[in-house]
Amino acid sequence: MDGRGQRLLELAGSVGELVARAQSGDARAFDALVGAHQDRVFALAYRMMGNVEDAADIQQEAFVRAWRSLRKFRGDASFATWLHRITVNLCLGRKRRRKEESLEPSVEAELAAPAEAGAPAQLEILERAIAVRKAIAGLPAHYRVLIVLRDMEDRPFDEIASILGCSVQSARTRESKARKMLRERLEPYLGEESL
């Protein structure tokens, strides 16, 4: 949660209080929850989907679904974890419906952009970043989510397991397979270097 979200919570009350108030129909309490969590939901959706438009759509849909399902929220996990699970499920569903995985427009633009003369180190960094983004985008969605949650968002395995609805051991095993796939996809770009 960012600083702005933390300040919103401090002004409005604890997450638990806000959830209880929102469950009883208090739209202002839910607005405070949205304000406190919207940036992380967007960031997760962006990392999963690879473009701003899809991320914004999923962010909005995640909060609509959360509002509609809030009375069913039992508190077995934190509100943030529950919300992120909704977000991940929406991302995976959208990817499944598309049945194709494409690069985000900004990556394609970077690939097409001519390199500036005299910046070989910057060019190499850019090429590696593009290769990594392409490799992550090319992973099956159910593996991509593990790379995003663990390596990009630095989430602990117990939280990942809760978001994905699996055991911690299963999350660890899947993450290991995702890393192996990613490593294999990056071998042509990185040569002998390892992840």
Protein backbone atom coordinates (compact mmCIF):
# COMPACT_ATOMS: atom_id res chain seq x y z
CA MET A 1 0.00 0.00 0.00
CA ASP A 2 1.38 3.40 -0.91
CA GLY A 3 1.68 6.41 1.41
CA ARG A 4 -1.55 7.96 0.14
CA GLY A 5 -3.46 4.73 0.76
CA GLN A 6 -2.02 4.48 4.26
CA ARG A 7 -3.10 8.05 5.03
CA LEU A 8 -6.61 7.29 3.77
CA LEU A 9 -6.82 4.31 6.09
CA GLU A 10 -5.57 6.31 9.05
CA LEU A 11 -8.21 8.95 8.43
CA ALA A 12 -11.05 6.50 7.83
CA GLY A 13 -10.18 3.74 10.33
CA SER A 14 -8.54 0.33 10.10
CA VAL A 15 -9.05 -1.97 7.15
CA GLY A 16 -11.13 -4.30 9.31
CA GLU A 17 -13.41 -1.45 10.40
CA LEU A 18 -13.78 -0.23 6.84
CA VAL A 19 -14.58 -3.72 5.58
CA ALA A 20 -17.22 -4.19 8.28
CA ARG A 21 -18.79 -0.82 7.47
CA ALA A 22 -18.69 -1.52 3.73
CA GLN A 23 -20.25 -4.96 4.27
CA SER A 24 -23.18 -3.23 5.92
CA GLY A 25 -23.60 -1.00 2.86
CA ASP A 26 -21.46 2.04 3.70
CA ALA A 27 -20.27 3.17 0.23
CA ARG A 28 -17.93 5.78 1.73
CA ALA A 29 -16.09 3.07 3.66
CA PHE A 30 -15.71 1.10 0.44
CA ASP A 31 -14.45 4.24 -1.32
CA ALA A 32 -11.75 4.51 1.34
CA LEU A 33 -10.80 0.87 0.71
CA VAL A 34 -10.62 1.57 -3.03
CA GLY A 35 -8.44 4.62 -2.44
CA ALA A 36 -6.10 2.65 -0.23
CA HIS A 37 -5.72 -0.31 -2.62
CA GLN A 38 -6.21 1.06 -6.13
CA ASP A 39 -2.53 1.61 -6.94
CA ARG A 40 -1.47 -1.93 -6.01
CA VAL A 41 -4.42 -3.45 -7.88
CA PHE A 42 -3.51 -1.43 -10.97
CA ALA A 43 0.18 -2.38 -10.70
CA LEU A 44 -0.68 -6.08 -10.42
CA ALA A 45 -3.08 -5.91 -13.38
CA TYR A 46 -0.52 -3.99 -15.44
CA ARG A 47 2.20 -6.53 -14.76
CA MET A 48 -0.13 -9.36 -15.67
CA MET A 49 -1.68 -7.80 -18.76
CA GLY A 50 1.18 -5.67 -20.06
CA ASN A 51 -0.79 -2.59 -21.05
CA VAL A 52 -2.47 0.36 -19.39
CA GLU A 53 -5.90 -0.05 -20.99
CA ASP A 54 -6.39 -3.64 -19.84
CA ALA A 55 -4.96 -2.83 -16.42
CA ALA A 56 -7.40 0.04 -15.96
CA ASP A 57 -10.34 -2.13 -17.08
CA ILE A 58 -9.37 -4.93 -14.75
CA GLN A 59 -8.77 -2.53 -11.86
CA GLN A 60 -12.29 -1.16 -12.28
CA GLU A 61 -13.84 -4.60 -12.68
CA ALA A 62 -11.95 -5.90 -9.63
CA PHE A 63 -13.47 -3.20 -7.42
CA VAL A 64 -16.94 -3.74 -8.88
CA ARG A 65 -16.66 -7.46 -8.15
CA ALA A 66 -15.29 -6.77 -4.69
CA TRP A 67 -18.24 -4.47 -3.91
CA ARG A 68 -20.74 -7.05 -5.17
CA SER A 69 -19.07 -9.90 -3.27
CA LEU A 70 -18.11 -8.01 -0.13
CA ARG A 71 -20.85 -9.56 1.99
CA LYS A 72 -19.33 -12.98 1.23
CA PHE A 73 -15.86 -11.89 2.39
CA ARG A 74 -15.18 -13.96 5.52
CA GLY A 75 -11.80 -12.56 6.46
CA ASP A 76 -9.93 -15.88 6.08
CA ALA A 77 -7.26 -13.83 4.31
CA SER A 78 -6.56 -10.12 4.46
CA PHE A 79 -8.78 -7.82 2.41
CA ALA A 80 -5.78 -6.97 0.20
CA THR A 81 -5.06 -10.64 -0.49
CA TRP A 82 -8.74 -11.27 -1.29
CA LEU A 83 -8.78 -8.27 -3.63
CA HIS A 84 -5.58 -9.36 -5.35
CA ARG A 85 -7.02 -12.83 -5.86
CA ILE A 86 -10.00 -11.24 -7.63
CA THR A 87 -7.56 -9.22 -9.76
CA VAL A 88 -5.45 -12.25 -10.68
CA ASN A 89 -8.55 -14.27 -11.59
CA LEU A 90 -9.78 -11.44 -13.83
CA CYS A 91 -6.40 -11.22 -15.55
CA LEU A 92 -6.20 -14.97 -16.10
CA GLY A 93 -9.77 -15.04 -17.40
CA ARG A 94 -9.09 -12.26 -19.86
CA LYS A 95 -5.92 -13.99 -21.06
CA ARG A 96 -7.80 -17.27 -21.50
CA ARG A 97 -10.52 -15.55 -23.52
CA ARG A 98 -8.02 -13.96 -25.84
CA LYS A 99 -6.18 -17.24 -26.42
CA GLU A 100 -3.22 -15.26 -27.61
CA GLU A 101 -0.53 -13.48 -25.75
CA SER A 102 0.93 -10.37 -27.29
CA LEU A 103 3.53 -7.83 -26.35
CA GLU A 104 2.40 -4.57 -24.89
CA PRO A 105 2.50 -1.71 -27.40
CA SER A 106 5.32 0.07 -25.56
CA VAL A 107 7.61 -2.96 -25.94
CA GLU A 108 6.90 -3.13 -29.65
CA ALA A 109 7.62 0.60 -29.94
CA GLU A 110 10.90 0.16 -28.06
CA LEU A 111 11.89 -2.67 -30.39
CA ALA A 112 11.17 -0.52 -33.46
CA ALA A 113 12.82 2.64 -32.10
CA PRO A 114 16.29 3.33 -33.46
CA ALA A 115 19.08 3.31 -30.90
CA GLU A 116 20.87 6.55 -30.13
CA ALA A 117 24.46 6.69 -31.25
CA GLY A 118 27.05 6.65 -28.49
CA ALA A 119 24.94 4.83 -25.91
CA PRO A 120 25.96 1.16 -26.22
CA ALA A 121 25.60 0.45 -22.49
CA GLN A 122 22.11 1.95 -22.44
CA LEU A 123 21.21 0.02 -25.57
CA GLU A 124 22.35 -3.25 -23.97
CA ILE A 125 20.31 -2.52 -20.84
CA LEU A 126 17.28 -1.68 -22.97
CA GLU A 127 17.69 -4.83 -25.06
CA ARG A 128 17.89 -6.99 -21.93
CA ALA A 129 14.85 -5.31 -20.39
CA ILE A 130 12.89 -5.89 -23.59
CA ALA A 131 14.02 -9.51 -23.71
CA VAL A 132 12.91 -10.09 -20.12
CA ARG A 133 9.55 -8.39 -20.72
CA LYS A 134 9.02 -10.44 -23.89
CA ALA A 135 9.94 -13.65 -22.11
CA ILE A 136 7.57 -12.92 -19.21
CA ALA A 137 4.79 -11.91 -21.63
CA GLY A 138 5.31 -15.20 -23.48
CA LEU A 139 4.85 -17.37 -20.41
CA PRO A 140 1.49 -19.06 -19.95
CA ALA A 141 -0.65 -16.81 -17.74
CA HIS A 142 -0.72 -19.26 -14.82
CA TYR A 143 3.10 -19.14 -14.68
CA ARG A 144 3.38 -15.43 -15.42
CA VAL A 145 1.33 -14.63 -12.32
CA LEU A 146 3.92 -16.41 -10.17
CA ILE A 147 6.81 -14.42 -11.63
CA VAL A 148 4.85 -11.20 -11.15
CA LEU A 149 3.79 -11.92 -7.57
CA ARG A 150 7.09 -13.36 -6.35
CA ASP A 151 9.81 -11.61 -8.31
CA MET A 152 8.24 -8.31 -9.32
CA GLU A 153 6.08 -7.66 -6.26
CA ASP A 154 8.27 -9.59 -3.76
CA ARG A 155 5.32 -11.29 -2.08
CA PRO A 156 5.85 -14.14 0.38
CA PHE A 157 4.77 -17.64 -0.65
CA ASP A 158 2.00 -17.83 1.95
CA GLU A 159 0.35 -14.74 0.43
CA ILE A 160 0.86 -16.06 -3.11
CA ALA A 161 -0.73 -19.35 -2.11
CA SER A 162 -3.68 -17.50 -0.63
CA ILE A 163 -4.12 -15.35 -3.76
CA LEU A 164 -3.93 -18.40 -6.04
CA GLY A 165 -5.99 -20.66 -3.78
CA CYS A 166 -3.34 -23.36 -3.48
CA SER A 167 -0.94 -24.70 -0.87
CA VAL A 168 2.35 -22.96 -0.13
CA GLN A 169 4.22 -26.02 -1.46
CA SER A 170 2.22 -25.91 -4.68
CA ALA A 171 3.00 -22.19 -5.07
CA ARG A 172 6.71 -22.92 -4.56
CA THR A 173 6.65 -25.77 -7.08
CA ARG A 174 4.80 -23.71 -9.69
CA GLU A 175 7.15 -20.77 -9.16
CA SER A 176 10.13 -23.08 -9.69
CA LYS A 177 8.61 -24.30 -12.99
CA ALA A 178 7.89 -20.71 -14.01
CA ARG A 179 11.51 -19.71 -13.33
CA LYS A 180 12.76 -22.69 -15.35
CA MET A 181 10.55 -21.71 -18.29
CA LEU A 182 11.67 -18.11 -18.03
CA ARG A 183 15.33 -19.13 -17.87
CA GLU A 184 14.88 -21.29 -20.99
CA ARG A 185 13.24 -18.41 -22.84
CA LEU A 186 16.03 -16.02 -21.86
CA GLU A 187 18.98 -18.30 -22.71
CA PRO A 188 19.29 -16.98 -26.28
CA TYR A 189 19.45 -13.42 -24.95
CA LEU A 190 21.68 -13.94 -21.95
CA GLY A 191 24.00 -16.70 -23.15
CA GLU A 192 25.83 -18.31 -20.26
CA GLU A 193 24.49 -15.91 -17.64
CA SER A 194 21.77 -17.24 -15.37
CA LEU A 195 18.78 -15.60 -13.73
